[in-house]
Amino acid sequence: MDDTPADMVIILISGPESPKRLPSAFFLAATAAAAEQKVVMYFTGPATELLAKGRAEEIYPMQGGKSVAEFLKLATDNGVQVIGCLQSLELSGLTRDDVPADIPMMTPSAALPSLGAAGKVLTW
């Protein structure tokens, strides 16, 4: 994360167990980023599983609809920065090798100062 405070942080805790909750978080993040706000999504708890290679491609909030990977791509294409929780990754039985190299992984204590400095913090 750079030193400029985010305008909005979305702390995503919802994961594969609640797929219908996910699209709204990504739409909100993408819309704010498209409006030139600096947006960070911090994936923690069960949401960290969505960052595992190939996992988001398997989850469909609506049968016949888009995958979570497509919603995530919409957000990142609009400039949303994605960060994962390293401790949650380990709690999920995953390792750093299970997540694409371009996704930063941070402990909560390392992420919290930057996340807390945001203009708005939403938990999903």
N, C-alpha and C. Protein backbone atom coordinates (compact mmCIF):
# COMPACT_ATOMS: atom_id res chain seq x y z
N MET A 1 0.85 -1.18 0.00
CA MET A 1 0.00 0.00 0.00
C MET A 1 0.89 1.24 0.00
N ASP A 2 0.49 2.24 -0.79
CA ASP A 2 1.26 3.47 -0.75
C ASP A 2 0.82 4.30 0.46
N ASP A 3 1.47 5.43 0.69
CA ASP A 3 1.22 6.22 1.88
C ASP A 3 -0.02 7.11 1.80
N THR A 4 -0.60 7.28 0.62
CA THR A 4 -1.78 8.09 0.46
C THR A 4 -2.98 7.35 1.05
N PRO A 5 -3.69 7.95 2.01
CA PRO A 5 -4.84 7.25 2.58
C PRO A 5 -5.91 6.96 1.51
N ALA A 6 -6.52 5.81 1.64
CA ALA A 6 -7.60 5.44 0.73
C ALA A 6 -8.82 6.30 1.05
N ASP A 7 -9.61 6.56 0.01
CA ASP A 7 -10.89 7.23 0.23
C ASP A 7 -11.88 6.25 0.85
N MET A 8 -11.76 4.97 0.43
CA MET A 8 -12.68 3.95 0.91
C MET A 8 -11.93 2.63 1.06
N VAL A 9 -12.18 1.96 2.16
CA VAL A 9 -11.68 0.61 2.38
C VAL A 9 -12.88 -0.29 2.59
N ILE A 10 -12.88 -1.40 1.90
CA ILE A 10 -13.90 -2.42 2.13
C ILE A 10 -13.17 -3.62 2.74
N ILE A 11 -13.52 -3.92 3.98
CA ILE A 11 -12.97 -5.10 4.63
C ILE A 11 -13.95 -6.23 4.34
N LEU A 12 -13.52 -7.12 3.47
CA LEU A 12 -14.38 -8.21 3.01
C LEU A 12 -14.16 -9.44 3.88
N ILE A 13 -15.20 -9.83 4.61
CA ILE A 13 -15.13 -11.03 5.44
C ILE A 13 -15.97 -12.13 4.83
N SER A 14 -16.95 -11.77 4.02
CA SER A 14 -17.80 -12.78 3.37
C SER A 14 -16.97 -13.52 2.34
N GLY A 15 -17.17 -14.82 2.28
CA GLY A 15 -16.40 -15.63 1.34
C GLY A 15 -17.27 -16.66 0.63
N PRO A 16 -16.70 -17.81 0.34
CA PRO A 16 -17.42 -18.84 -0.42
C PRO A 16 -18.72 -19.30 0.25
N GLU A 17 -18.82 -19.13 1.56
CA GLU A 17 -20.02 -19.57 2.28
C GLU A 17 -21.24 -18.69 2.00
N SER A 18 -21.04 -17.50 1.48
CA SER A 18 -22.16 -16.59 1.22
C SER A 18 -21.97 -15.88 -0.12
N PRO A 19 -22.00 -16.61 -1.21
CA PRO A 19 -21.71 -16.03 -2.53
C PRO A 19 -22.64 -14.90 -2.95
N LYS A 20 -23.88 -14.91 -2.49
CA LYS A 20 -24.82 -13.87 -2.92
C LYS A 20 -24.51 -12.51 -2.31
N ARG A 21 -23.72 -12.47 -1.26
CA ARG A 21 -23.32 -11.19 -0.64
C ARG A 21 -22.19 -10.51 -1.40
N LEU A 22 -21.44 -11.28 -2.19
CA LEU A 22 -20.20 -10.78 -2.77
C LEU A 22 -20.33 -9.74 -3.88
N PRO A 23 -21.23 -9.91 -4.85
CA PRO A 23 -21.24 -8.95 -5.96
C PRO A 23 -21.39 -7.50 -5.54
N SER A 24 -22.19 -7.23 -4.54
CA SER A 24 -22.41 -5.84 -4.10
C SER A 24 -21.13 -5.18 -3.64
N ALA A 25 -20.29 -5.90 -2.93
CA ALA A 25 -19.02 -5.33 -2.46
C ALA A 25 -18.14 -4.94 -3.64
N PHE A 26 -18.09 -5.83 -4.64
CA PHE A 26 -17.25 -5.55 -5.81
C PHE A 26 -17.82 -4.42 -6.66
N PHE A 27 -19.16 -4.38 -6.81
CA PHE A 27 -19.78 -3.28 -7.56
C PHE A 27 -19.52 -1.94 -6.89
N LEU A 28 -19.68 -1.90 -5.58
CA LEU A 28 -19.45 -0.66 -4.84
C LEU A 28 -18.01 -0.20 -4.99
N ALA A 29 -17.07 -1.14 -4.83
CA ALA A 29 -15.65 -0.80 -4.97
C ALA A 29 -15.34 -0.31 -6.37
N ALA A 30 -15.83 -1.02 -7.39
CA ALA A 30 -15.56 -0.64 -8.78
C ALA A 30 -16.16 0.72 -9.11
N THR A 31 -17.36 0.98 -8.62
CA THR A 31 -18.02 2.26 -8.89
C THR A 31 -17.26 3.42 -8.25
N ALA A 32 -16.84 3.23 -7.01
CA ALA A 32 -16.08 4.29 -6.33
C ALA A 32 -14.74 4.52 -7.02
N ALA A 33 -14.07 3.45 -7.43
CA ALA A 33 -12.78 3.59 -8.11
C ALA A 33 -12.96 4.26 -9.47
N ALA A 34 -14.03 3.93 -10.17
CA ALA A 34 -14.30 4.56 -11.47
C ALA A 34 -14.57 6.05 -11.31
N ALA A 35 -15.05 6.44 -10.13
CA ALA A 35 -15.28 7.85 -9.83
C ALA A 35 -14.02 8.51 -9.26
N GLU A 36 -12.88 7.86 -9.49
CA GLU A 36 -11.56 8.36 -9.14
C GLU A 36 -11.29 8.44 -7.64
N GLN A 37 -11.95 7.57 -6.89
CA GLN A 37 -11.62 7.43 -5.48
C GLN A 37 -10.57 6.32 -5.35
N LYS A 38 -9.70 6.46 -4.36
CA LYS A 38 -8.73 5.41 -4.08
C LYS A 38 -9.44 4.38 -3.19
N VAL A 39 -9.56 3.15 -3.70
CA VAL A 39 -10.32 2.11 -3.01
C VAL A 39 -9.42 0.91 -2.76
N VAL A 40 -9.49 0.40 -1.54
CA VAL A 40 -8.76 -0.80 -1.15
C VAL A 40 -9.77 -1.82 -0.65
N MET A 41 -9.63 -3.06 -1.10
CA MET A 41 -10.41 -4.17 -0.55
C MET A 41 -9.44 -5.07 0.20
N TYR A 42 -9.70 -5.25 1.50
CA TYR A 42 -8.86 -6.10 2.35
C TYR A 42 -9.64 -7.38 2.61
N PHE A 43 -9.16 -8.49 2.06
CA PHE A 43 -9.82 -9.79 2.18
C PHE A 43 -9.31 -10.46 3.46
N THR A 44 -10.22 -10.77 4.37
CA THR A 44 -9.85 -11.41 5.62
C THR A 44 -10.88 -12.47 5.97
N GLY A 45 -10.58 -13.30 6.95
CA GLY A 45 -11.50 -14.38 7.31
C GLY A 45 -11.77 -15.26 6.10
N PRO A 46 -13.01 -15.75 5.97
CA PRO A 46 -13.35 -16.63 4.85
C PRO A 46 -13.12 -16.00 3.47
N ALA A 47 -13.15 -14.67 3.39
CA ALA A 47 -12.94 -14.00 2.09
C ALA A 47 -11.56 -14.30 1.52
N THR A 48 -10.60 -14.58 2.39
CA THR A 48 -9.24 -14.85 1.92
C THR A 48 -9.21 -16.04 0.97
N GLU A 49 -10.11 -16.99 1.15
CA GLU A 49 -10.17 -18.16 0.27
C GLU A 49 -10.45 -17.76 -1.18
N LEU A 50 -11.12 -16.63 -1.38
CA LEU A 50 -11.44 -16.18 -2.74
C LEU A 50 -10.19 -15.80 -3.52
N LEU A 51 -9.09 -15.54 -2.83
CA LEU A 51 -7.86 -15.14 -3.49
C LEU A 51 -7.03 -16.32 -3.98
N ALA A 52 -7.37 -17.52 -3.51
CA ALA A 52 -6.62 -18.71 -3.95
C ALA A 52 -6.80 -18.90 -5.45
N LYS A 53 -5.71 -19.24 -6.11
CA LYS A 53 -5.74 -19.43 -7.57
C LYS A 53 -6.86 -20.38 -7.98
N GLY A 54 -7.74 -19.90 -8.86
CA GLY A 54 -8.82 -20.71 -9.40
C GLY A 54 -10.08 -20.78 -8.56
N ARG A 55 -10.03 -20.36 -7.31
CA ARG A 55 -11.19 -20.48 -6.41
C ARG A 55 -12.33 -19.55 -6.80
N ALA A 56 -12.05 -18.29 -7.08
CA ALA A 56 -13.11 -17.33 -7.42
C ALA A 56 -13.79 -17.69 -8.74
N GLU A 57 -13.07 -18.40 -9.59
CA GLU A 57 -13.65 -18.83 -10.88
C GLU A 57 -14.70 -19.92 -10.69
N GLU A 58 -14.70 -20.57 -9.54
CA GLU A 58 -15.63 -21.68 -9.26
C GLU A 58 -16.90 -21.24 -8.55
N ILE A 59 -16.96 -19.98 -8.14
CA ILE A 59 -18.08 -19.52 -7.32
C ILE A 59 -18.97 -18.59 -8.13
N TYR A 60 -20.25 -18.95 -8.19
CA TYR A 60 -21.24 -18.19 -8.95
C TYR A 60 -22.36 -17.75 -8.00
N PRO A 61 -22.49 -16.45 -7.74
CA PRO A 61 -23.55 -15.97 -6.86
C PRO A 61 -24.95 -16.29 -7.39
N MET A 62 -25.08 -16.36 -8.71
CA MET A 62 -26.37 -16.67 -9.33
C MET A 62 -26.13 -17.72 -10.42
N GLN A 63 -26.91 -18.76 -10.41
CA GLN A 63 -26.76 -19.80 -11.42
C GLN A 63 -26.89 -19.19 -12.81
N GLY A 64 -25.92 -19.47 -13.66
CA GLY A 64 -25.91 -18.94 -15.02
C GLY A 64 -25.36 -17.52 -15.11
N GLY A 65 -25.00 -16.94 -13.97
CA GLY A 65 -24.47 -15.57 -13.96
C GLY A 65 -22.95 -15.55 -14.01
N LYS A 66 -22.40 -14.43 -13.61
CA LYS A 66 -20.95 -14.25 -13.61
C LYS A 66 -20.32 -14.88 -12.38
N SER A 67 -19.07 -15.27 -12.53
CA SER A 67 -18.33 -15.82 -11.40
C SER A 67 -17.80 -14.68 -10.53
N VAL A 68 -17.41 -15.02 -9.32
CA VAL A 68 -16.80 -14.04 -8.42
C VAL A 68 -15.52 -13.50 -9.04
N ALA A 69 -14.82 -14.33 -9.80
CA ALA A 69 -13.60 -13.87 -10.48
C ALA A 69 -13.91 -12.72 -11.44
N GLU A 70 -15.05 -12.77 -12.11
CA GLU A 70 -15.43 -11.69 -13.02
C GLU A 70 -15.75 -10.40 -12.27
N PHE A 71 -16.39 -10.53 -11.10
CA PHE A 71 -16.66 -9.35 -10.28
C PHE A 71 -15.36 -8.76 -9.75
N LEU A 72 -14.45 -9.62 -9.34
CA LEU A 72 -13.14 -9.17 -8.85
C LEU A 72 -12.37 -8.46 -9.96
N LYS A 73 -12.42 -9.00 -11.16
CA LYS A 73 -11.74 -8.37 -12.30
C LYS A 73 -12.33 -7.00 -12.61
N LEU A 74 -13.65 -6.86 -12.53
CA LEU A 74 -14.30 -5.57 -12.73
C LEU A 74 -13.73 -4.54 -11.75
N ALA A 75 -13.60 -4.95 -10.49
CA ALA A 75 -13.08 -4.03 -9.48
C ALA A 75 -11.63 -3.65 -9.78
N THR A 76 -10.78 -4.64 -10.02
CA THR A 76 -9.37 -4.33 -10.25
C THR A 76 -9.16 -3.58 -11.56
N ASP A 77 -9.96 -3.86 -12.57
CA ASP A 77 -9.86 -3.12 -13.83
C ASP A 77 -10.18 -1.64 -13.64
N ASN A 78 -10.98 -1.34 -12.63
CA ASN A 78 -11.33 0.05 -12.33
C ASN A 78 -10.37 0.70 -11.34
N GLY A 79 -9.35 -0.04 -10.92
CA GLY A 79 -8.33 0.54 -10.07
C GLY A 79 -8.38 0.17 -8.60
N VAL A 80 -9.26 -0.74 -8.22
CA VAL A 80 -9.34 -1.17 -6.82
C VAL A 80 -8.09 -1.97 -6.47
N GLN A 81 -7.48 -1.64 -5.33
CA GLN A 81 -6.33 -2.39 -4.85
C GLN A 81 -6.81 -3.51 -3.94
N VAL A 82 -6.37 -4.73 -4.21
CA VAL A 82 -6.75 -5.90 -3.42
C VAL A 82 -5.57 -6.30 -2.54
N ILE A 83 -5.87 -6.51 -1.26
CA ILE A 83 -4.87 -6.96 -0.30
C ILE A 83 -5.49 -8.12 0.48
N GLY A 84 -4.70 -9.13 0.76
CA GLY A 84 -5.18 -10.26 1.53
C GLY A 84 -4.58 -10.29 2.91
N CYS A 85 -5.28 -10.94 3.83
CA CYS A 85 -4.81 -11.10 5.20
C CYS A 85 -3.97 -12.37 5.28
N LEU A 86 -2.72 -12.20 5.63
CA LEU A 86 -1.79 -13.32 5.70
C LEU A 86 -2.21 -14.33 6.77
N GLN A 87 -2.64 -13.86 7.91
CA GLN A 87 -3.05 -14.78 8.98
C GLN A 87 -4.29 -15.57 8.58
N SER A 88 -5.24 -14.93 7.93
CA SER A 88 -6.44 -15.65 7.49
C SER A 88 -6.11 -16.68 6.42
N LEU A 89 -5.14 -16.36 5.58
CA LEU A 89 -4.69 -17.31 4.56
C LEU A 89 -4.21 -18.59 5.23
N GLU A 90 -3.39 -18.43 6.25
CA GLU A 90 -2.87 -19.58 6.98
C GLU A 90 -3.98 -20.33 7.70
N LEU A 91 -4.94 -19.61 8.29
CA LEU A 91 -6.06 -20.25 8.98
C LEU A 91 -6.94 -21.06 8.02
N SER A 92 -6.93 -20.65 6.74
CA SER A 92 -7.71 -21.37 5.72
C SER A 92 -6.96 -22.57 5.17
N GLY A 93 -5.76 -22.81 5.68
CA GLY A 93 -4.98 -23.95 5.20
C GLY A 93 -4.27 -23.67 3.89
N LEU A 94 -4.15 -22.39 3.52
CA LEU A 94 -3.50 -22.00 2.28
C LEU A 94 -2.13 -21.42 2.58
N THR A 95 -1.30 -21.35 1.56
CA THR A 95 0.01 -20.73 1.70
C THR A 95 0.12 -19.58 0.73
N ARG A 96 1.19 -18.82 0.86
CA ARG A 96 1.43 -17.67 -0.04
C ARG A 96 1.50 -18.14 -1.49
N ASP A 97 1.96 -19.37 -1.72
CA ASP A 97 2.05 -19.91 -3.07
C ASP A 97 0.68 -20.16 -3.70
N ASP A 98 -0.37 -20.22 -2.89
CA ASP A 98 -1.73 -20.46 -3.40
C ASP A 98 -2.37 -19.21 -3.95
N VAL A 99 -1.75 -18.05 -3.73
CA VAL A 99 -2.31 -16.75 -4.13
C VAL A 99 -1.42 -16.15 -5.22
N PRO A 100 -2.01 -15.54 -6.26
CA PRO A 100 -1.17 -14.90 -7.29
C PRO A 100 -0.16 -13.93 -6.66
N ALA A 101 1.02 -13.91 -7.22
CA ALA A 101 2.13 -13.12 -6.67
C ALA A 101 1.84 -11.62 -6.63
N ASP A 102 0.95 -11.13 -7.51
CA ASP A 102 0.69 -9.69 -7.56
C ASP A 102 -0.29 -9.21 -6.48
N ILE A 103 -0.80 -10.11 -5.66
CA ILE A 103 -1.71 -9.72 -4.58
C ILE A 103 -0.91 -9.64 -3.28
N PRO A 104 -0.77 -8.43 -2.72
CA PRO A 104 -0.03 -8.31 -1.46
C PRO A 104 -0.78 -9.00 -0.33
N MET A 105 -0.03 -9.62 0.54
CA MET A 105 -0.60 -10.26 1.73
C MET A 105 0.01 -9.55 2.95
N MET A 106 -0.86 -9.12 3.86
CA MET A 106 -0.40 -8.37 5.04
C MET A 106 -1.07 -8.90 6.29
N THR A 107 -0.35 -8.87 7.39
CA THR A 107 -0.96 -9.19 8.67
C THR A 107 -1.89 -8.04 9.05
N PRO A 108 -2.87 -8.29 9.91
CA PRO A 108 -3.74 -7.21 10.34
C PRO A 108 -2.97 -6.05 10.97
N SER A 109 -1.95 -6.36 11.76
CA SER A 109 -1.21 -5.27 12.42
C SER A 109 -0.45 -4.41 11.42
N ALA A 110 -0.01 -5.01 10.30
CA ALA A 110 0.67 -4.23 9.26
C ALA A 110 -0.32 -3.43 8.44
N ALA A 111 -1.50 -3.97 8.21
CA ALA A 111 -2.50 -3.31 7.36
C ALA A 111 -3.32 -2.26 8.10
N LEU A 112 -3.55 -2.45 9.36
CA LEU A 112 -4.48 -1.61 10.11
C LEU A 112 -4.18 -0.11 10.07
N PRO A 113 -2.95 0.34 10.22
CA PRO A 113 -2.73 1.79 10.18
C PRO A 113 -3.21 2.42 8.87
N SER A 114 -2.92 1.80 7.75
CA SER A 114 -3.35 2.34 6.45
C SER A 114 -4.85 2.21 6.27
N LEU A 115 -5.40 1.06 6.66
CA LEU A 115 -6.84 0.85 6.50
C LEU A 115 -7.61 1.82 7.37
N GLY A 116 -7.15 2.02 8.59
CA GLY A 116 -7.84 2.92 9.53
C GLY A 116 -7.78 4.38 9.15
N ALA A 117 -6.82 4.75 8.29
CA ALA A 117 -6.69 6.15 7.88
C ALA A 117 -7.63 6.50 6.73
N ALA A 118 -8.37 5.53 6.22
CA ALA A 118 -9.25 5.77 5.07
C ALA A 118 -10.40 6.70 5.47
N GLY A 119 -10.92 7.39 4.45
CA GLY A 119 -12.06 8.25 4.67
C GLY A 119 -13.30 7.50 5.12
N LYS A 120 -13.52 6.34 4.55
CA LYS A 120 -14.67 5.49 4.90
C LYS A 120 -14.18 4.04 4.96
N VAL A 121 -14.62 3.32 5.99
CA VAL A 121 -14.30 1.90 6.12
C VAL A 121 -15.61 1.15 6.20
N LEU A 122 -15.81 0.22 5.29
CA LEU A 122 -17.01 -0.60 5.26
C LEU A 122 -16.62 -2.06 5.48
N THR A 123 -17.44 -2.77 6.20
CA THR A 123 -17.20 -4.20 6.41
C THR A 123 -18.31 -4.96 5.71
N TRP A 124 -17.91 -5.95 4.95
CA TRP A 124 -18.86 -6.71 4.15
C TRP A 124 -18.80 -8.15 4.52
